[in-house]
Amino acid sequence: RIRGRDGRTLAEVFGTQPRAYLGTTFSGCP
């Protein structure tokens, strides 16, 4: 349900390996 700067959802960006810095913030999602 969350789309970043490039219009893709987090699921589309990360596929089978979700990732976030410190489990808290996301590159591409200010």
PDB file of all heavy atoms in Angstrom:
ATOM      1  N   ARG A   1       0.804  -1.229   0.000  1.00  0.00           N
ATOM      2  CA  ARG A   1       0.000   0.000   0.000  1.00  0.00           C
ATOM      3  C   ARG A   1       0.835   1.278   0.000  1.00  0.00           C
ATOM      4  O   ARG A   1       0.297   2.366  -0.146  1.00  0.00           O
ATOM      5  CB  ARG A   1      -0.928   0.006   1.214  1.00  0.00           C
ATOM      6  CG  ARG A   1      -1.901  -1.160   1.222  1.00  0.00           C
ATOM      7  CD  ARG A   1      -2.885  -1.069   2.364  1.00  0.00           C
ATOM      8  NE  ARG A   1      -3.846  -2.164   2.319  1.00  0.00           N
ATOM      9  CZ  ARG A   1      -4.943  -2.248   3.054  1.00  0.00           C
ATOM     10  NH1 ARG A   1      -5.225  -1.279   3.914  1.00  0.00           N
ATOM     11  NH2 ARG A   1      -5.761  -3.275   2.943  1.00  0.00           N
ATOM     12  N   ILE A   2       2.134   1.143   0.193  1.00  0.00           N
ATOM     13  CA  ILE A   2       3.005   2.320   0.264  1.00  0.00           C
ATOM     14  C   ILE A   2       3.889   2.380  -0.978  1.00  0.00           C
ATOM     15  O   ILE A   2       4.636   1.439  -1.270  1.00  0.00           O
ATOM     16  CB  ILE A   2       3.858   2.292   1.543  1.00  0.00           C
ATOM     17  CG1 ILE A   2       2.961   2.357   2.775  1.00  0.00           C
ATOM     18  CG2 ILE A   2       4.855   3.450   1.535  1.00  0.00           C
ATOM     19  CD1 ILE A   2       3.717   2.287   4.087  1.00  0.00           C
ATOM     20  N   ARG A   3       3.792   3.500  -1.712  1.00  0.00           N
ATOM     21  CA  ARG A   3       4.570   3.697  -2.935  1.00  0.00           C
ATOM     22  C   ARG A   3       5.595   4.807  -2.712  1.00  0.00           C
ATOM     23  O   ARG A   3       5.269   5.868  -2.205  1.00  0.00           O
ATOM     24  CB  ARG A   3       3.660   4.066  -4.110  1.00  0.00           C
ATOM     25  CG  ARG A   3       2.665   2.973  -4.472  1.00  0.00           C
ATOM     26  CD  ARG A   3       1.801   3.358  -5.669  1.00  0.00           C
ATOM     27  NE  ARG A   3       0.870   2.270  -5.973  1.00  0.00           N
ATOM     28  CZ  ARG A   3       1.164   1.220  -6.740  1.00  0.00           C
ATOM     29  NH1 ARG A   3       2.373   1.154  -7.301  1.00  0.00           N
ATOM     30  NH2 ARG A   3       0.281   0.276  -6.956  1.00  0.00           N
ATOM     31  N   GLY A   4       6.812   4.545  -3.123  1.00  0.00           N
ATOM     32  CA  GLY A   4       7.881   5.506  -2.934  1.00  0.00           C
ATOM     33  C   GLY A   4       7.985   6.514  -4.064  1.00  0.00           C
ATOM     34  O   GLY A   4       7.063   6.700  -4.857  1.00  0.00           O
ATOM     35  N   ARG A   5       9.125   7.128  -4.149  1.00  0.00           N
ATOM     36  CA  ARG A   5       9.352   8.194  -5.114  1.00  0.00           C
ATOM     37  C   ARG A   5       9.150   7.737  -6.550  1.00  0.00           C
ATOM     38  O   ARG A   5       8.658   8.486  -7.393  1.00  0.00           O
ATOM     39  CB  ARG A   5      10.782   8.736  -4.945  1.00  0.00           C
ATOM     40  CG  ARG A   5      11.133   9.857  -5.907  1.00  0.00           C
ATOM     41  CD  ARG A   5      12.592  10.249  -5.860  1.00  0.00           C
ATOM     42  NE  ARG A   5      12.935  10.851  -4.581  1.00  0.00           N
ATOM     43  CZ  ARG A   5      13.649  10.254  -3.637  1.00  0.00           C
ATOM     44  NH1 ARG A   5      14.081   9.003  -3.830  1.00  0.00           N
ATOM     45  NH2 ARG A   5      13.937  10.868  -2.516  1.00  0.00           N
ATOM     46  N   ASP A   6       9.537   6.500  -6.852  1.00  0.00           N
ATOM     47  CA  ASP A   6       9.454   6.026  -8.233  1.00  0.00           C
ATOM     48  C   ASP A   6       8.105   5.403  -8.575  1.00  0.00           C
ATOM     49  O   ASP A   6       7.926   4.859  -9.663  1.00  0.00           O
ATOM     50  CB  ASP A   6      10.584   5.033  -8.533  1.00  0.00           C
ATOM     51  CG  ASP A   6      10.481   3.760  -7.712  1.00  0.00           C
ATOM     52  OD1 ASP A   6       9.512   3.626  -6.925  1.00  0.00           O
ATOM     53  OD2 ASP A   6      11.366   2.889  -7.837  1.00  0.00           O
ATOM     54  N   GLY A   7       7.147   5.466  -7.651  1.00  0.00           N
ATOM     55  CA  GLY A   7       5.807   4.967  -7.934  1.00  0.00           C
ATOM     56  C   GLY A   7       5.603   3.501  -7.636  1.00  0.00           C
ATOM     57  O   GLY A   7       4.483   2.993  -7.714  1.00  0.00           O
ATOM     58  N   ARG A   8       6.655   2.788  -7.277  1.00  0.00           N
ATOM     59  CA  ARG A   8       6.533   1.368  -6.959  1.00  0.00           C
ATOM     60  C   ARG A   8       6.243   1.161  -5.479  1.00  0.00           C
ATOM     61  O   ARG A   8       6.682   1.941  -4.634  1.00  0.00           O
ATOM     62  CB  ARG A   8       7.802   0.617  -7.346  1.00  0.00           C
ATOM     63  CG  ARG A   8       8.068   0.552  -8.836  1.00  0.00           C
ATOM     64  CD  ARG A   8       9.299  -0.303  -9.121  1.00  0.00           C
ATOM     65  NE  ARG A   8      10.507   0.274  -8.530  1.00  0.00           N
ATOM     66  CZ  ARG A   8      11.648  -0.394  -8.379  1.00  0.00           C
ATOM     67  NH1 ARG A   8      11.729  -1.669  -8.761  1.00  0.00           N
ATOM     68  NH2 ARG A   8      12.709   0.200  -7.855  1.00  0.00           N
ATOM     69  N   THR A   9       5.505   0.086  -5.186  1.00  0.00           N
ATOM     70  CA  THR A   9       5.232  -0.229  -3.790  1.00  0.00           C
ATOM     71  C   THR A   9       6.483  -0.831  -3.150  1.00  0.00           C
ATOM     72  O   THR A   9       7.397  -1.296  -3.840  1.00  0.00           O
ATOM     73  CB  THR A   9       4.078  -1.235  -3.659  1.00  0.00           C
ATOM     74  OG1 THR A   9       4.492  -2.497  -4.228  1.00  0.00           O
ATOM     75  CG2 THR A   9       2.823  -0.732  -4.348  1.00  0.00           C
ATOM     76  N   LEU A  10       6.486  -0.858  -1.824  1.00  0.00           N
ATOM     77  CA  LEU A  10       7.597  -1.499  -1.115  1.00  0.00           C
ATOM     78  C   LEU A  10       7.702  -2.960  -1.523  1.00  0.00           C
ATOM     79  O   LEU A  10       8.805  -3.497  -1.658  1.00  0.00           O
ATOM     80  CB  LEU A  10       7.391  -1.385   0.391  1.00  0.00           C
ATOM     81  CG  LEU A  10       7.479   0.012   1.004  1.00  0.00           C
ATOM     82  CD1 LEU A  10       7.195  -0.045   2.502  1.00  0.00           C
ATOM     83  CD2 LEU A  10       8.845   0.643   0.756  1.00  0.00           C
ATOM     84  N   ALA A  11       6.558  -3.614  -1.715  1.00  0.00           N
ATOM     85  CA  ALA A  11       6.566  -5.022  -2.120  1.00  0.00           C
ATOM     86  C   ALA A  11       7.203  -5.190  -3.492  1.00  0.00           C
ATOM     87  O   ALA A  11       7.955  -6.145  -3.736  1.00  0.00           O
ATOM     88  CB  ALA A  11       5.145  -5.571  -2.122  1.00  0.00           C
ATOM     89  N   GLU A  12       6.927  -4.274  -4.398  1.00  0.00           N
ATOM     90  CA  GLU A  12       7.495  -4.355  -5.747  1.00  0.00           C
ATOM     91  C   GLU A  12       8.991  -4.064  -5.743  1.00  0.00           C
ATOM     92  O   GLU A  12       9.760  -4.676  -6.486  1.00  0.00           O
ATOM     93  CB  GLU A  12       6.779  -3.369  -6.675  1.00  0.00           C
ATOM     94  CG  GLU A  12       5.338  -3.761  -6.982  1.00  0.00           C
ATOM     95  CD  GLU A  12       4.550  -2.651  -7.669  1.00  0.00           C
ATOM     96  OE1 GLU A  12       4.958  -1.468  -7.559  1.00  0.00           O
ATOM     97  OE2 GLU A  12       3.529  -2.970  -8.294  1.00  0.00           O
ATOM     98  N   VAL A  13       9.413  -3.155  -4.901  1.00  0.00           N
ATOM     99  CA  VAL A  13      10.831  -2.787  -4.841  1.00  0.00           C
ATOM    100  C   VAL A  13      11.671  -3.911  -4.261  1.00  0.00           C
ATOM    101  O   VAL A  13      12.725  -4.280  -4.791  1.00  0.00           O
ATOM    102  CB  VAL A  13      11.023  -1.504  -4.013  1.00  0.00           C
ATOM    103  CG1 VAL A  13      12.514  -1.233  -3.783  1.00  0.00           C
ATOM    104  CG2 VAL A  13      10.386  -0.317  -4.717  1.00  0.00           C
ATOM    105  N   PHE A  14      11.199  -4.487  -3.147  1.00  0.00           N
ATOM    106  CA  PHE A  14      12.030  -5.417  -2.402  1.00  0.00           C
ATOM    107  C   PHE A  14      11.735  -6.883  -2.696  1.00  0.00           C
ATOM    108  O   PHE A  14      12.526  -7.753  -2.339  1.00  0.00           O
ATOM    109  CB  PHE A  14      11.884  -5.156  -0.903  1.00  0.00           C
ATOM    110  CG  PHE A  14      12.291  -3.762  -0.509  1.00  0.00           C
ATOM    111  CD1 PHE A  14      11.464  -2.967   0.253  1.00  0.00           C
ATOM    112  CD2 PHE A  14      13.507  -3.250  -0.919  1.00  0.00           C
ATOM    113  CE1 PHE A  14      11.838  -1.680   0.615  1.00  0.00           C
ATOM    114  CE2 PHE A  14      13.892  -1.973  -0.570  1.00  0.00           C
ATOM    115  CZ  PHE A  14      13.056  -1.176   0.197  1.00  0.00           C
ATOM    116  N   GLY A  15      10.618  -7.175  -3.323  1.00  0.00           N
ATOM    117  CA  GLY A  15      10.311  -8.557  -3.664  1.00  0.00           C
ATOM    118  C   GLY A  15      10.288  -9.451  -2.446  1.00  0.00           C
ATOM    119  O   GLY A  15       9.592  -9.192  -1.463  1.00  0.00           O
ATOM    120  N   THR A  16      11.075 -10.517  -2.497  1.00  0.00           N
ATOM    121  CA  THR A  16      11.071 -11.504  -1.415  1.00  0.00           C
ATOM    122  C   THR A  16      11.980 -11.126  -0.253  1.00  0.00           C
ATOM    123  O   THR A  16      12.020 -11.843   0.748  1.00  0.00           O
ATOM    124  CB  THR A  16      11.509 -12.876  -1.943  1.00  0.00           C
ATOM    125  OG1 THR A  16      12.844 -12.769  -2.460  1.00  0.00           O
ATOM    126  CG2 THR A  16      10.574 -13.351  -3.040  1.00  0.00           C
ATOM    127  N   GLN A  17      12.726 -10.021  -0.392  1.00  0.00           N
ATOM    128  CA  GLN A  17      13.664  -9.644   0.667  1.00  0.00           C
ATOM    129  C   GLN A  17      13.443  -8.195   1.097  1.00  0.00           C
ATOM    130  O   GLN A  17      14.186  -7.299   0.709  1.00  0.00           O
ATOM    131  CB  GLN A  17      15.108  -9.833   0.193  1.00  0.00           C
ATOM    132  CG  GLN A  17      15.485 -11.263  -0.091  1.00  0.00           C
ATOM    133  CD  GLN A  17      16.976 -11.427  -0.336  1.00  0.00           C
ATOM    134  OE1 GLN A  17      17.805 -10.700   0.201  1.00  0.00           O
ATOM    135  NE2 GLN A  17      17.338 -12.392  -1.168  1.00  0.00           N
ATOM    136  N   PRO A  18      12.415  -7.947   1.907  1.00  0.00           N
ATOM    137  CA  PRO A  18      12.203  -6.586   2.408  1.00  0.00           C
ATOM    138  C   PRO A  18      13.439  -6.089   3.143  1.00  0.00           C
ATOM    139  O   PRO A  18      14.108  -6.854   3.836  1.00  0.00           O
ATOM    140  CB  PRO A  18      11.019  -6.754   3.370  1.00  0.00           C
ATOM    141  CG  PRO A  18      10.325  -7.983   2.918  1.00  0.00           C
ATOM    142  CD  PRO A  18      11.416  -8.892   2.413  1.00  0.00           C
ATOM    143  N   ARG A  19      13.723  -4.821   2.980  1.00  0.00           N
ATOM    144  CA  ARG A  19      14.888  -4.256   3.659  1.00  0.00           C
ATOM    145  C   ARG A  19      14.598  -2.818   4.050  1.00  0.00           C
ATOM    146  O   ARG A  19      13.829  -2.113   3.396  1.00  0.00           O
ATOM    147  CB  ARG A  19      16.124  -4.341   2.763  1.00  0.00           C
ATOM    148  CG  ARG A  19      15.999  -3.596   1.448  1.00  0.00           C
ATOM    149  CD  ARG A  19      17.104  -4.018   0.488  1.00  0.00           C
ATOM    150  NE  ARG A  19      16.877  -5.366   0.013  1.00  0.00           N
ATOM    151  CZ  ARG A  19      17.759  -6.060  -0.724  1.00  0.00           C
ATOM    152  NH1 ARG A  19      18.919  -5.530  -1.044  1.00  0.00           N
ATOM    153  NH2 ARG A  19      17.478  -7.272  -1.133  1.00  0.00           N
ATOM    154  N   ALA A  20      15.209  -2.413   5.123  1.00  0.00           N
ATOM    155  CA  ALA A  20      15.081  -1.042   5.615  1.00  0.00           C
ATOM    156  C   ALA A  20      16.283  -0.749   6.478  1.00  0.00           C
ATOM    157  O   ALA A  20      16.842  -1.655   7.107  1.00  0.00           O
ATOM    158  CB  ALA A  20      13.790  -0.873   6.428  1.00  0.00           C
ATOM    159  N   TYR A  21      16.690   0.489   6.536  1.00  0.00           N
ATOM    160  CA  TYR A  21      17.819   0.856   7.384  1.00  0.00           C
ATOM    161  C   TYR A  21      17.370   0.836   8.835  1.00  0.00           C
ATOM    162  O   TYR A  21      16.396   1.495   9.214  1.00  0.00           O
ATOM    163  CB  TYR A  21      18.334   2.245   6.994  1.00  0.00           C
ATOM    164  CG  TYR A  21      19.447   2.724   7.887  1.00  0.00           C
ATOM    165  CD1 TYR A  21      20.596   1.956   8.070  1.00  0.00           C
ATOM    166  CD2 TYR A  21      19.347   3.932   8.567  1.00  0.00           C
ATOM    167  CE1 TYR A  21      21.614   2.375   8.902  1.00  0.00           C
ATOM    168  CE2 TYR A  21      20.364   4.368   9.390  1.00  0.00           C
ATOM    169  CZ  TYR A  21      21.495   3.584   9.566  1.00  0.00           C
ATOM    170  OH  TYR A  21      22.489   4.015  10.404  1.00  0.00           O
ATOM    171  N   LEU A  22      18.074   0.043   9.644  1.00  0.00           N
ATOM    172  CA  LEU A  22      17.735  -0.156  11.053  1.00  0.00           C
ATOM    173  C   LEU A  22      16.301  -0.651  11.239  1.00  0.00           C
ATOM    174  O   LEU A  22      15.699  -0.488  12.296  1.00  0.00           O
ATOM    175  CB  LEU A  22      17.956   1.136  11.862  1.00  0.00           C
ATOM    176  CG  LEU A  22      19.396   1.628  11.951  1.00  0.00           C
ATOM    177  CD1 LEU A  22      19.472   2.954  12.709  1.00  0.00           C
ATOM    178  CD2 LEU A  22      20.282   0.586  12.639  1.00  0.00           C
ATOM    179  N   GLY A  23      15.752  -1.248  10.172  1.00  0.00           N
ATOM    180  CA  GLY A  23      14.386  -1.746  10.255  1.00  0.00           C
ATOM    181  C   GLY A  23      13.354  -0.650  10.396  1.00  0.00           C
ATOM    182  O   GLY A  23      12.197  -0.920  10.737  1.00  0.00           O
ATOM    183  N   THR A  24      13.733   0.590  10.069  1.00  0.00           N
ATOM    184  CA  THR A  24      12.875   1.733  10.386  1.00  0.00           C
ATOM    185  C   THR A  24      12.651   2.681   9.216  1.00  0.00           C
ATOM    186  O   THR A  24      11.546   3.205   9.053  1.00  0.00           O
ATOM    187  CB  THR A  24      13.488   2.531  11.571  1.00  0.00           C
ATOM    188  OG1 THR A  24      13.767   1.625  12.652  1.00  0.00           O
ATOM    189  CG2 THR A  24      12.543   3.616  12.051  1.00  0.00           C
ATOM    190  N   THR A  25      13.660   2.944   8.397  1.00  0.00           N
ATOM    191  CA  THR A  25      13.522   3.901   7.300  1.00  0.00           C
ATOM    192  C   THR A  25      13.911   3.233   5.977  1.00  0.00           C
ATOM    193  O   THR A  25      14.643   2.238   5.958  1.00  0.00           O
ATOM    194  CB  THR A  25      14.391   5.151   7.519  1.00  0.00           C
ATOM    195  OG1 THR A  25      15.761   4.748   7.715  1.00  0.00           O
ATOM    196  CG2 THR A  25      13.916   5.915   8.750  1.00  0.00           C
ATOM    197  N   PHE A  26      13.433   3.819   4.861  1.00  0.00           N
ATOM    198  CA  PHE A  26      13.551   3.171   3.557  1.00  0.00           C
ATOM    199  C   PHE A  26      14.145   4.117   2.521  1.00  0.00           C
ATOM    200  O   PHE A  26      13.646   5.235   2.341  1.00  0.00           O
ATOM    201  CB  PHE A  26      12.169   2.728   3.066  1.00  0.00           C
ATOM    202  CG  PHE A  26      11.503   1.702   3.936  1.00  0.00           C
ATOM    203  CD1 PHE A  26      10.825   2.088   5.083  1.00  0.00           C
ATOM    204  CD2 PHE A  26      11.557   0.352   3.615  1.00  0.00           C
ATOM    205  CE1 PHE A  26      10.207   1.154   5.895  1.00  0.00           C
ATOM    206  CE2 PHE A  26      10.939  -0.592   4.421  1.00  0.00           C
ATOM    207  CZ  PHE A  26      10.265  -0.193   5.564  1.00  0.00           C
ATOM    208  N   SER A  27      15.165   3.652   1.828  1.00  0.00           N
ATOM    209  CA  SER A  27      15.683   4.391   0.681  1.00  0.00           C
ATOM    210  C   SER A  27      14.618   4.418  -0.408  1.00  0.00           C
ATOM    211  O   SER A  27      13.992   3.403  -0.714  1.00  0.00           O
ATOM    212  CB  SER A  27      16.947   3.708   0.153  1.00  0.00           C
ATOM    213  OG  SER A  27      17.413   4.346  -1.014  1.00  0.00           O
ATOM    214  N   GLY A  28      14.395   5.594  -0.978  1.00  0.00           N
ATOM    215  CA  GLY A  28      13.346   5.744  -1.985  1.00  0.00           C
ATOM    216  C   GLY A  28      12.014   6.165  -1.411  1.00  0.00           C
ATOM    217  O   GLY A  28      11.085   6.453  -2.174  1.00  0.00           O
ATOM    218  N   CYS A  29      11.918   6.216  -0.091  1.00  0.00           N
ATOM    219  CA  CYS A  29      10.674   6.615   0.579  1.00  0.00           C
ATOM    220  C   CYS A  29      10.985   7.668   1.641  1.00  0.00           C
ATOM    221  O   CYS A  29      11.099   7.348   2.839  1.00  0.00           O
ATOM    222  CB  CYS A  29       9.989   5.420   1.225  1.00  0.00           C
ATOM    223  SG  CYS A  29       9.355   4.204   0.077  1.00  0.00           S
ATOM    224  N   PRO A  30      11.159   8.919   1.239  1.00  0.00           N
ATOM    225  CA  PRO A  30      11.484   9.961   2.216  1.00  0.00           C
ATOM    226  C   PRO A  30      10.404  10.074   3.296  1.00  0.00           C
ATOM    227  O   PRO A  30       9.206   9.888   3.028  1.00  0.00           O
ATOM    228  CB  PRO A  30      11.540  11.235   1.362  1.00  0.00           C
ATOM    229  CG  PRO A  30      11.774  10.757  -0.035  1.00  0.00           C
ATOM    230  CD  PRO A  30      11.065   9.447  -0.129  1.00  0.00           C
TER     231      PRO A  30
END
